[in-house]
Amino acid sequence: MTDQKTKNPIGTLSVKERLFARYKAQGYSNGKSAELAGYKGGTSADKQGYRLSKKADIQDEIARRLEVSLIGNHTSMNWQS
């Protein structure tokens, strides 16, 4: 199965791309997420972060991480009641 926008097999994000998605899901900016994921800092990180944020497979990974995070928070809240 392939992603229609990027033509890459689904699930083939690099380690840096997965880290970028993790940091974006945690609320960091594109540039900071790219830098934390191991991309070159400064203006280059801002540009790389912007490019990464536009990739459909990375957007899907960010959404998945946010969903998992919300489900986890909801579950833990039920235990506290």
N, C-alpha and C. Protein backbone atom coordinates (compact mmCIF):
# COMPACT_ATOMS: atom_id res chain seq x y z
N MET A 1 0.84 -1.18 0.00
CA MET A 1 0.00 0.00 0.00
C MET A 1 0.89 1.24 0.00
N THR A 2 0.51 2.25 -0.78
CA THR A 2 1.31 3.46 -0.85
C THR A 2 0.46 4.68 -0.56
N ASP A 3 1.11 5.72 -0.11
CA ASP A 3 0.47 7.00 0.12
C ASP A 3 0.40 7.71 -1.23
N GLN A 4 -0.78 8.16 -1.63
CA GLN A 4 -0.96 8.73 -2.96
C GLN A 4 -0.18 10.03 -3.16
N LYS A 5 0.03 10.82 -2.11
CA LYS A 5 0.72 12.10 -2.27
C LYS A 5 2.21 11.94 -2.42
N THR A 6 2.81 10.99 -1.71
CA THR A 6 4.27 10.88 -1.72
C THR A 6 4.77 9.65 -2.46
N LYS A 7 3.89 8.70 -2.75
CA LYS A 7 4.26 7.46 -3.43
C LYS A 7 5.27 6.63 -2.63
N ASN A 8 5.37 6.86 -1.34
CA ASN A 8 6.23 6.05 -0.47
C ASN A 8 5.39 4.98 0.19
N PRO A 9 5.97 3.81 0.41
CA PRO A 9 5.23 2.80 1.16
C PRO A 9 4.90 3.35 2.54
N ILE A 10 3.68 3.13 2.98
CA ILE A 10 3.26 3.60 4.29
C ILE A 10 4.09 2.92 5.36
N GLY A 11 4.49 3.68 6.36
CA GLY A 11 5.27 3.13 7.46
C GLY A 11 6.76 3.20 7.22
N THR A 12 7.19 3.94 6.22
CA THR A 12 8.62 4.01 5.93
C THR A 12 9.23 5.35 6.32
N LEU A 13 8.74 5.95 7.37
CA LEU A 13 9.34 7.19 7.85
C LEU A 13 10.73 6.89 8.40
N SER A 14 11.64 7.81 8.18
CA SER A 14 12.97 7.66 8.75
C SER A 14 12.91 7.92 10.25
N VAL A 15 13.97 7.61 10.94
CA VAL A 15 14.03 7.86 12.38
C VAL A 15 13.84 9.35 12.65
N LYS A 16 14.52 10.19 11.88
CA LYS A 16 14.40 11.64 12.08
C LYS A 16 12.97 12.12 11.80
N GLU A 17 12.34 11.56 10.78
CA GLU A 17 10.95 11.95 10.48
C GLU A 17 10.01 11.54 11.61
N ARG A 18 10.23 10.36 12.17
CA ARG A 18 9.40 9.92 13.30
C ARG A 18 9.62 10.81 14.52
N LEU A 19 10.88 11.18 14.75
CA LEU A 19 11.16 12.09 15.86
C LEU A 19 10.53 13.46 15.63
N PHE A 20 10.60 13.95 14.41
CA PHE A 20 9.96 15.21 14.07
C PHE A 20 8.47 15.15 14.41
N ALA A 21 7.82 14.07 13.99
CA ALA A 21 6.38 13.91 14.25
C ALA A 21 6.10 13.86 15.76
N ARG A 22 6.97 13.20 16.51
CA ARG A 22 6.80 13.12 17.96
C ARG A 22 6.84 14.51 18.58
N TYR A 23 7.85 15.30 18.20
CA TYR A 23 7.98 16.64 18.78
C TYR A 23 6.86 17.57 18.33
N LYS A 24 6.41 17.45 17.08
CA LYS A 24 5.28 18.26 16.62
C LYS A 24 4.03 17.92 17.42
N ALA A 25 3.81 16.64 17.67
CA ALA A 25 2.64 16.21 18.44
C ALA A 25 2.72 16.72 19.88
N GLN A 26 3.93 16.97 20.36
CA GLN A 26 4.10 17.50 21.71
C GLN A 26 3.93 19.02 21.75
N GLY A 27 3.76 19.64 20.58
CA GLY A 27 3.47 21.06 20.53
C GLY A 27 4.62 21.98 20.14
N TYR A 28 5.76 21.41 19.81
CA TYR A 28 6.89 22.24 19.38
C TYR A 28 6.65 22.80 17.98
N SER A 29 7.31 23.91 17.66
CA SER A 29 7.23 24.50 16.32
C SER A 29 7.90 23.59 15.30
N ASN A 30 7.66 23.88 14.02
CA ASN A 30 8.30 23.11 12.95
C ASN A 30 9.82 23.15 13.09
N GLY A 31 10.38 24.34 13.27
CA GLY A 31 11.83 24.49 13.36
C GLY A 31 12.42 23.79 14.56
N LYS A 32 11.79 23.96 15.72
CA LYS A 32 12.29 23.33 16.95
C LYS A 32 12.15 21.81 16.85
N SER A 33 11.06 21.34 16.28
CA SER A 33 10.87 19.89 16.12
C SER A 33 11.95 19.31 15.22
N ALA A 34 12.27 20.01 14.13
CA ALA A 34 13.31 19.54 13.22
C ALA A 34 14.67 19.52 13.92
N GLU A 35 14.96 20.56 14.66
CA GLU A 35 16.24 20.64 15.37
C GLU A 35 16.35 19.52 16.42
N LEU A 36 15.29 19.31 17.19
CA LEU A 36 15.30 18.24 18.20
C LEU A 36 15.41 16.86 17.56
N ALA A 37 14.89 16.73 16.35
CA ALA A 37 14.94 15.44 15.65
C ALA A 37 16.31 15.16 15.04
N GLY A 38 17.19 16.17 15.06
CA GLY A 38 18.54 15.94 14.57
C GLY A 38 18.90 16.65 13.28
N TYR A 39 17.99 17.46 12.77
CA TYR A 39 18.31 18.24 11.58
C TYR A 39 19.13 19.46 11.99
N LYS A 40 19.89 20.02 11.04
CA LYS A 40 20.73 21.17 11.30
C LYS A 40 19.89 22.32 11.85
N GLY A 41 20.41 23.00 12.88
CA GLY A 41 19.67 24.06 13.56
C GLY A 41 19.57 25.35 12.77
N GLY A 42 18.93 26.33 13.36
CA GLY A 42 18.80 27.66 12.77
C GLY A 42 17.78 27.71 11.66
N THR A 43 18.06 28.57 10.68
CA THR A 43 17.15 28.77 9.56
C THR A 43 16.93 27.48 8.78
N SER A 44 17.97 26.66 8.68
CA SER A 44 17.84 25.38 7.98
C SER A 44 16.79 24.50 8.64
N ALA A 45 16.75 24.50 9.96
CA ALA A 45 15.75 23.70 10.68
C ALA A 45 14.35 24.22 10.41
N ASP A 46 14.20 25.54 10.35
CA ASP A 46 12.89 26.12 10.05
C ASP A 46 12.41 25.67 8.67
N LYS A 47 13.29 25.74 7.69
CA LYS A 47 12.92 25.34 6.33
C LYS A 47 12.64 23.84 6.25
N GLN A 48 13.50 23.05 6.88
CA GLN A 48 13.30 21.60 6.86
C GLN A 48 12.02 21.24 7.60
N GLY A 49 11.77 21.89 8.72
CA GLY A 49 10.54 21.64 9.47
C GLY A 49 9.30 21.95 8.67
N TYR A 50 9.36 23.04 7.92
CA TYR A 50 8.22 23.39 7.07
C TYR A 50 8.00 22.31 6.02
N ARG A 51 9.08 21.88 5.36
CA ARG A 51 8.96 20.83 4.33
C ARG A 51 8.41 19.53 4.93
N LEU A 52 8.94 19.15 6.08
CA LEU A 52 8.49 17.93 6.73
C LEU A 52 7.01 18.02 7.10
N SER A 53 6.59 19.18 7.58
CA SER A 53 5.21 19.34 8.04
C SER A 53 4.20 19.22 6.90
N LYS A 54 4.65 19.35 5.66
CA LYS A 54 3.77 19.26 4.50
C LYS A 54 3.65 17.84 3.95
N LYS A 55 4.48 16.93 4.42
CA LYS A 55 4.44 15.55 3.93
C LYS A 55 3.25 14.80 4.54
N ALA A 56 2.46 14.19 3.68
CA ALA A 56 1.24 13.52 4.13
C ALA A 56 1.52 12.41 5.14
N ASP A 57 2.58 11.63 4.92
CA ASP A 57 2.85 10.52 5.83
C ASP A 57 3.28 11.04 7.21
N ILE A 58 3.94 12.18 7.24
CA ILE A 58 4.32 12.76 8.53
C ILE A 58 3.09 13.37 9.21
N GLN A 59 2.22 14.00 8.43
CA GLN A 59 0.97 14.53 8.99
C GLN A 59 0.14 13.39 9.60
N ASP A 60 0.12 12.26 8.92
CA ASP A 60 -0.61 11.10 9.45
C ASP A 60 0.00 10.61 10.76
N GLU A 61 1.32 10.60 10.85
CA GLU A 61 2.00 10.16 12.07
C GLU A 61 1.73 11.14 13.22
N ILE A 62 1.73 12.43 12.93
CA ILE A 62 1.42 13.42 13.96
C ILE A 62 0.00 13.22 14.46
N ALA A 63 -0.94 13.04 13.54
CA ALA A 63 -2.34 12.83 13.92
C ALA A 63 -2.48 11.56 14.75
N ARG A 64 -1.78 10.50 14.36
CA ARG A 64 -1.85 9.25 15.12
C ARG A 64 -1.34 9.45 16.53
N ARG A 65 -0.22 10.15 16.67
CA ARG A 65 0.34 10.40 18.00
C ARG A 65 -0.58 11.26 18.85
N LEU A 66 -1.22 12.25 18.24
CA LEU A 66 -2.16 13.09 18.98
C LEU A 66 -3.37 12.28 19.44
N GLU A 67 -3.85 11.41 18.58
CA GLU A 67 -4.99 10.57 18.92
C GLU A 67 -4.65 9.63 20.08
N VAL A 68 -3.51 8.99 20.00
CA VAL A 68 -3.07 8.10 21.07
C VAL A 68 -2.92 8.87 22.37
N SER A 69 -2.38 10.07 22.28
CA SER A 69 -2.19 10.91 23.46
C SER A 69 -3.54 11.27 24.08
N LEU A 70 -4.50 11.64 23.25
CA LEU A 70 -5.82 12.01 23.77
C LEU A 70 -6.53 10.81 24.39
N ILE A 71 -6.42 9.65 23.77
CA ILE A 71 -7.03 8.45 24.31
C ILE A 71 -6.39 8.11 25.66
N GLY A 72 -5.07 8.20 25.72
CA GLY A 72 -4.37 7.93 26.97
C GLY A 72 -4.77 8.88 28.08
N ASN A 73 -4.91 10.16 27.76
CA ASN A 73 -5.32 11.14 28.75
C ASN A 73 -6.74 10.89 29.21
N HIS A 74 -7.62 10.53 28.30
CA HIS A 74 -9.00 10.26 28.66
C HIS A 74 -9.10 9.03 29.57
N THR A 75 -8.34 8.00 29.26
CA THR A 75 -8.34 6.79 30.06
C THR A 75 -7.83 7.07 31.46
N SER A 76 -6.75 7.82 31.58
CA SER A 76 -6.19 8.10 32.90
C SER A 76 -7.12 8.97 33.70
N MET A 77 -7.89 9.81 33.06
CA MET A 77 -8.84 10.67 33.78
C MET A 77 -9.96 9.83 34.38
N ASN A 78 -10.38 8.79 33.67
CA ASN A 78 -11.44 7.93 34.19
C ASN A 78 -11.00 7.19 35.45
N TRP A 79 -9.73 6.85 35.55
CA TRP A 79 -9.23 6.15 36.72
C TRP A 79 -9.23 7.06 37.94
N GLN A 80 -9.12 8.35 37.74
CA GLN A 80 -9.05 9.28 38.87
C GLN A 80 -10.42 9.59 39.44
N SER A 81 -11.49 9.29 38.72
CA SER A 81 -12.83 9.61 39.20
C SER A 81 -13.26 8.75 40.36
